[in-house]
Amino acid sequence: MSDGAHGMRLLLVDDDVDVATMYEMQLAAHGFQVITAHSGHEAITRAGADAPDLIYLDLGLPEMHGFDVLRHLRADAATAQIPVVILTNFSEPELVERGRALGAHDYLVKAHTPPAALAEATRKWLA
């Protein structure tokens, strides 16, 4: 593809399979290879095994909160440098601040981030 997305791997972490599928379809249509995880533990495993170029991380996950996942990713040398963008329904300013303090590249609220906009932002972050 001419947009430079071809071959870029994204890890999309969301416990809502329908939401994950909606974003995955749009990102794949823009040439990204999308790997999904539906729990915190699965996210950590997939991040280490698949070495994505970017991770989209929900906060409300089963087994482990998204912030705990982010802490694990930042503490592991294999995943510490992978950009993580929080993509969640929670928009409280203190959560945004906490996410950035823990090393999130950005913080997006799903209600304000349609799939097409996410695909465009992804291209910008990976440029």
C-alpha atoms as a PDB file:
ATOM      1  CA  MET A   1       0.000   0.000   0.000  1.00  0.00           C
ATOM      2  CA  SER A   2       1.152   3.499  -0.660  1.00  0.00           C
ATOM      3  CA  ASP A   3       0.179   4.775   2.804  1.00  0.00           C
ATOM      4  CA  GLY A   4       3.039   2.962   4.494  1.00  0.00           C
ATOM      5  CA  ALA A   5       0.757   0.890   6.725  1.00  0.00           C
ATOM      6  CA  HIS A   6       1.433  -2.424   5.032  1.00  0.00           C
ATOM      7  CA  GLY A   7       3.194  -4.783   7.379  1.00  0.00           C
ATOM      8  CA  MET A   8       2.740  -2.611  10.476  1.00  0.00           C
ATOM      9  CA  ARG A   9       1.490  -4.776  13.333  1.00  0.00           C
ATOM     10  CA  LEU A  10      -0.988  -3.460  15.869  1.00  0.00           C
ATOM     11  CA  LEU A  11      -2.123  -5.123  19.070  1.00  0.00           C
ATOM     12  CA  LEU A  12      -5.704  -4.187  19.898  1.00  0.00           C
ATOM     13  CA  VAL A  13      -6.650  -5.024  23.489  1.00  0.00           C
ATOM     14  CA  ASP A  14     -10.373  -4.864  24.278  1.00  0.00           C
ATOM     15  CA  ASP A  15     -12.613  -7.227  26.232  1.00  0.00           C
ATOM     16  CA  ASP A  16     -15.633  -6.303  24.066  1.00  0.00           C
ATOM     17  CA  VAL A  17     -15.287  -8.588  21.036  1.00  0.00           C
ATOM     18  CA  ASP A  18     -17.750  -6.525  18.951  1.00  0.00           C
ATOM     19  CA  VAL A  19     -15.866  -3.284  19.577  1.00  0.00           C
ATOM     20  CA  ALA A  20     -12.534  -4.973  18.892  1.00  0.00           C
ATOM     21  CA  THR A  21     -13.883  -6.390  15.633  1.00  0.00           C
ATOM     22  CA  MET A  22     -15.205  -2.985  14.536  1.00  0.00           C
ATOM     23  CA  TYR A  23     -11.800  -1.326  15.044  1.00  0.00           C
ATOM     24  CA  GLU A  24      -9.908  -4.340  13.682  1.00  0.00           C
ATOM     25  CA  MET A  25     -11.867  -4.314  10.402  1.00  0.00           C
ATOM     26  CA  GLN A  26     -11.228  -0.612   9.829  1.00  0.00           C
ATOM     27  CA  LEU A  27      -7.526  -0.848  10.678  1.00  0.00           C
ATOM     28  CA  ALA A  28      -7.090  -3.924   8.460  1.00  0.00           C
ATOM     29  CA  ALA A  29      -8.856  -2.084   5.613  1.00  0.00           C
ATOM     30  CA  HIS A  30      -6.139   0.579   5.928  1.00  0.00           C
ATOM     31  CA  GLY A  31      -3.411  -2.036   5.553  1.00  0.00           C
ATOM     32  CA  PHE A  32      -2.503  -2.730   9.156  1.00  0.00           C
ATOM     33  CA  GLN A  33      -1.980  -6.246  10.486  1.00  0.00           C
ATOM     34  CA  VAL A  34      -4.137  -6.426  13.614  1.00  0.00           C
ATOM     35  CA  ILE A  35      -3.651  -8.855  16.490  1.00  0.00           C
ATOM     36  CA  THR A  36      -6.329  -8.870  19.186  1.00  0.00           C
ATOM     37  CA  ALA A  37      -6.309  -9.720  22.871  1.00  0.00           C
ATOM     38  CA  HIS A  38      -9.345  -9.743  25.147  1.00  0.00           C
ATOM     39  CA  SER A  39      -7.774  -9.791  28.626  1.00  0.00           C
ATOM     40  CA  GLY A  40      -4.850  -8.239  30.443  1.00  0.00           C
ATOM     41  CA  HIS A  41      -2.838 -11.437  30.663  1.00  0.00           C
ATOM     42  CA  GLU A  42      -3.421 -12.180  26.977  1.00  0.00           C
ATOM     43  CA  ALA A  43      -2.304  -8.644  26.115  1.00  0.00           C
ATOM     44  CA  ILE A  44       1.003  -9.059  27.946  1.00  0.00           C
ATOM     45  CA  THR A  45       1.618 -12.442  26.313  1.00  0.00           C
ATOM     46  CA  ARG A  46       0.749 -11.214  22.810  1.00  0.00           C
ATOM     47  CA  ALA A  47       2.846  -8.052  23.170  1.00  0.00           C
ATOM     48  CA  GLY A  48       5.914 -10.104  24.052  1.00  0.00           C
ATOM     49  CA  ALA A  49       5.356 -12.805  21.440  1.00  0.00           C
ATOM     50  CA  ASP A  50       4.163 -10.698  18.494  1.00  0.00           C
ATOM     51  CA  ALA A  51       6.268  -7.531  18.936  1.00  0.00           C
ATOM     52  CA  PRO A  52       3.626  -5.089  17.651  1.00  0.00           C
ATOM     53  CA  ASP A  53       4.559  -1.649  16.363  1.00  0.00           C
ATOM     54  CA  LEU A  54       1.775  -0.064  18.450  1.00  0.00           C
ATOM     55  CA  ILE A  55      -0.645  -1.221  21.150  1.00  0.00           C
ATOM     56  CA  TYR A  56      -4.197   0.037  21.670  1.00  0.00           C
ATOM     57  CA  LEU A  57      -5.121  -0.721  25.268  1.00  0.00           C
ATOM     58  CA  ASP A  58      -8.537  -0.650  26.918  1.00  0.00           C
ATOM     59  CA  LEU A  59      -8.648  -0.022  30.668  1.00  0.00           C
ATOM     60  CA  GLY A  60     -11.651  -2.119  31.713  1.00  0.00           C
ATOM     61  CA  LEU A  61     -10.273  -5.608  31.153  1.00  0.00           C
ATOM     62  CA  PRO A  62     -11.008  -8.920  32.863  1.00  0.00           C
ATOM     63  CA  GLU A  63      -8.359 -10.344  35.206  1.00  0.00           C
ATOM     64  CA  MET A  64      -6.183  -7.240  35.193  1.00  0.00           C
ATOM     65  CA  HIS A  65      -6.820  -3.496  34.807  1.00  0.00           C
ATOM     66  CA  GLY A  66      -5.351  -1.761  31.756  1.00  0.00           C
ATOM     67  CA  PHE A  67      -3.055   0.349  33.938  1.00  0.00           C
ATOM     68  CA  ASP A  68      -1.574  -2.850  35.389  1.00  0.00           C
ATOM     69  CA  VAL A  69      -1.026  -4.135  31.849  1.00  0.00           C
ATOM     70  CA  LEU A  70       0.714  -0.868  30.972  1.00  0.00           C
ATOM     71  CA  ARG A  71       2.962  -1.174  34.044  1.00  0.00           C
ATOM     72  CA  HIS A  72       3.939  -4.712  33.001  1.00  0.00           C
ATOM     73  CA  LEU A  73       4.656  -3.604  29.441  1.00  0.00           C
ATOM     74  CA  ARG A  74       6.844  -0.725  30.602  1.00  0.00           C
ATOM     75  CA  ALA A  75       8.742  -2.943  33.083  1.00  0.00           C
ATOM     76  CA  ASP A  76       9.666  -5.579  30.467  1.00  0.00           C
ATOM     77  CA  ALA A  77      12.661  -4.691  28.276  1.00  0.00           C
ATOM     78  CA  ALA A  78      11.052  -6.523  25.326  1.00  0.00           C
ATOM     79  CA  THR A  79       7.936  -4.310  25.376  1.00  0.00           C
ATOM     80  CA  ALA A  80       9.081  -1.146  27.163  1.00  0.00           C
ATOM     81  CA  GLN A  81       9.570   0.862  23.969  1.00  0.00           C
ATOM     82  CA  ILE A  82       6.352  -0.139  22.157  1.00  0.00           C
ATOM     83  CA  PRO A  83       4.044   2.892  21.942  1.00  0.00           C
ATOM     84  CA  VAL A  84       0.819   2.291  23.889  1.00  0.00           C
ATOM     85  CA  VAL A  85      -2.313   4.322  23.211  1.00  0.00           C
ATOM     86  CA  ILE A  86      -5.110   3.936  25.730  1.00  0.00           C
ATOM     87  CA  LEU A  87      -8.441   3.472  23.931  1.00  0.00           C
ATOM     88  CA  THR A  88     -11.252   3.348  26.463  1.00  0.00           C
ATOM     89  CA  ASN A  89     -14.715   4.564  27.434  1.00  0.00           C
ATOM     90  CA  PHE A  90     -13.382   6.230  30.592  1.00  0.00           C
ATOM     91  CA  SER A  91     -12.788   9.953  30.079  1.00  0.00           C
ATOM     92  CA  GLU A  92     -12.121  11.225  33.612  1.00  0.00           C
ATOM     93  CA  PRO A  93      -9.205  13.703  33.605  1.00  0.00           C
ATOM     94  CA  GLU A  94      -7.454  11.880  36.467  1.00  0.00           C
ATOM     95  CA  LEU A  95      -7.416   8.673  34.399  1.00  0.00           C
ATOM     96  CA  VAL A  96      -5.982  10.502  31.389  1.00  0.00           C
ATOM     97  CA  GLU A  97      -3.284  11.979  33.623  1.00  0.00           C
ATOM     98  CA  ARG A  98      -2.541   8.597  35.214  1.00  0.00           C
ATOM     99  CA  GLY A  99      -2.271   6.900  31.815  1.00  0.00           C
ATOM    100  CA  ARG A 100       0.228   9.456  30.577  1.00  0.00           C
ATOM    101  CA  ALA A 101       2.202   9.264  33.830  1.00  0.00           C
ATOM    102  CA  LEU A 102       2.490   5.491  33.356  1.00  0.00           C
ATOM    103  CA  GLY A 103       3.920   5.981  29.875  1.00  0.00           C
ATOM    104  CA  ALA A 104       0.950   5.926  27.505  1.00  0.00           C
ATOM    105  CA  HIS A 105       1.708   7.626  24.197  1.00  0.00           C
ATOM    106  CA  ASP A 106      -1.832   9.045  24.041  1.00  0.00           C
ATOM    107  CA  TYR A 107      -5.289   8.586  25.568  1.00  0.00           C
ATOM    108  CA  LEU A 108      -8.367   8.258  23.368  1.00  0.00           C
ATOM    109  CA  VAL A 109     -12.018   7.967  24.347  1.00  0.00           C
ATOM    110  CA  LYS A 110     -13.923   5.485  22.177  1.00  0.00           C
ATOM    111  CA  ALA A 111     -17.019   7.707  21.974  1.00  0.00           C
ATOM    112  CA  HIS A 112     -14.867  10.391  20.319  1.00  0.00           C
ATOM    113  CA  THR A 113     -12.757   8.034  18.208  1.00  0.00           C
ATOM    114  CA  PRO A 114     -14.594   6.390  15.309  1.00  0.00           C
ATOM    115  CA  PRO A 115     -12.715   3.538  13.618  1.00  0.00           C
ATOM    116  CA  ALA A 116     -11.783   5.623  10.546  1.00  0.00           C
ATOM    117  CA  ALA A 117     -10.275   8.326  12.773  1.00  0.00           C
ATOM    118  CA  LEU A 118      -8.278   5.678  14.623  1.00  0.00           C
ATOM    119  CA  ALA A 119      -6.844   4.403  11.344  1.00  0.00           C
ATOM    120  CA  GLU A 120      -5.752   7.935  10.398  1.00  0.00           C
ATOM    121  CA  ALA A 121      -4.197   8.566  13.830  1.00  0.00           C
ATOM    122  CA  THR A 122      -2.371   5.225  13.634  1.00  0.00           C
ATOM    123  CA  ARG A 123      -0.765   6.206  10.357  1.00  0.00           C
ATOM    124  CA  LYS A 124       0.401   9.479  11.935  1.00  0.00           C
ATOM    125  CA  TRP A 125       1.864   7.801  15.047  1.00  0.00           C
ATOM    126  CA  LEU A 126       3.756   5.218  13.036  1.00  0.00           C
ATOM    127  CA  ALA A 127       5.120   7.664  10.441  1.00  0.00           C
END
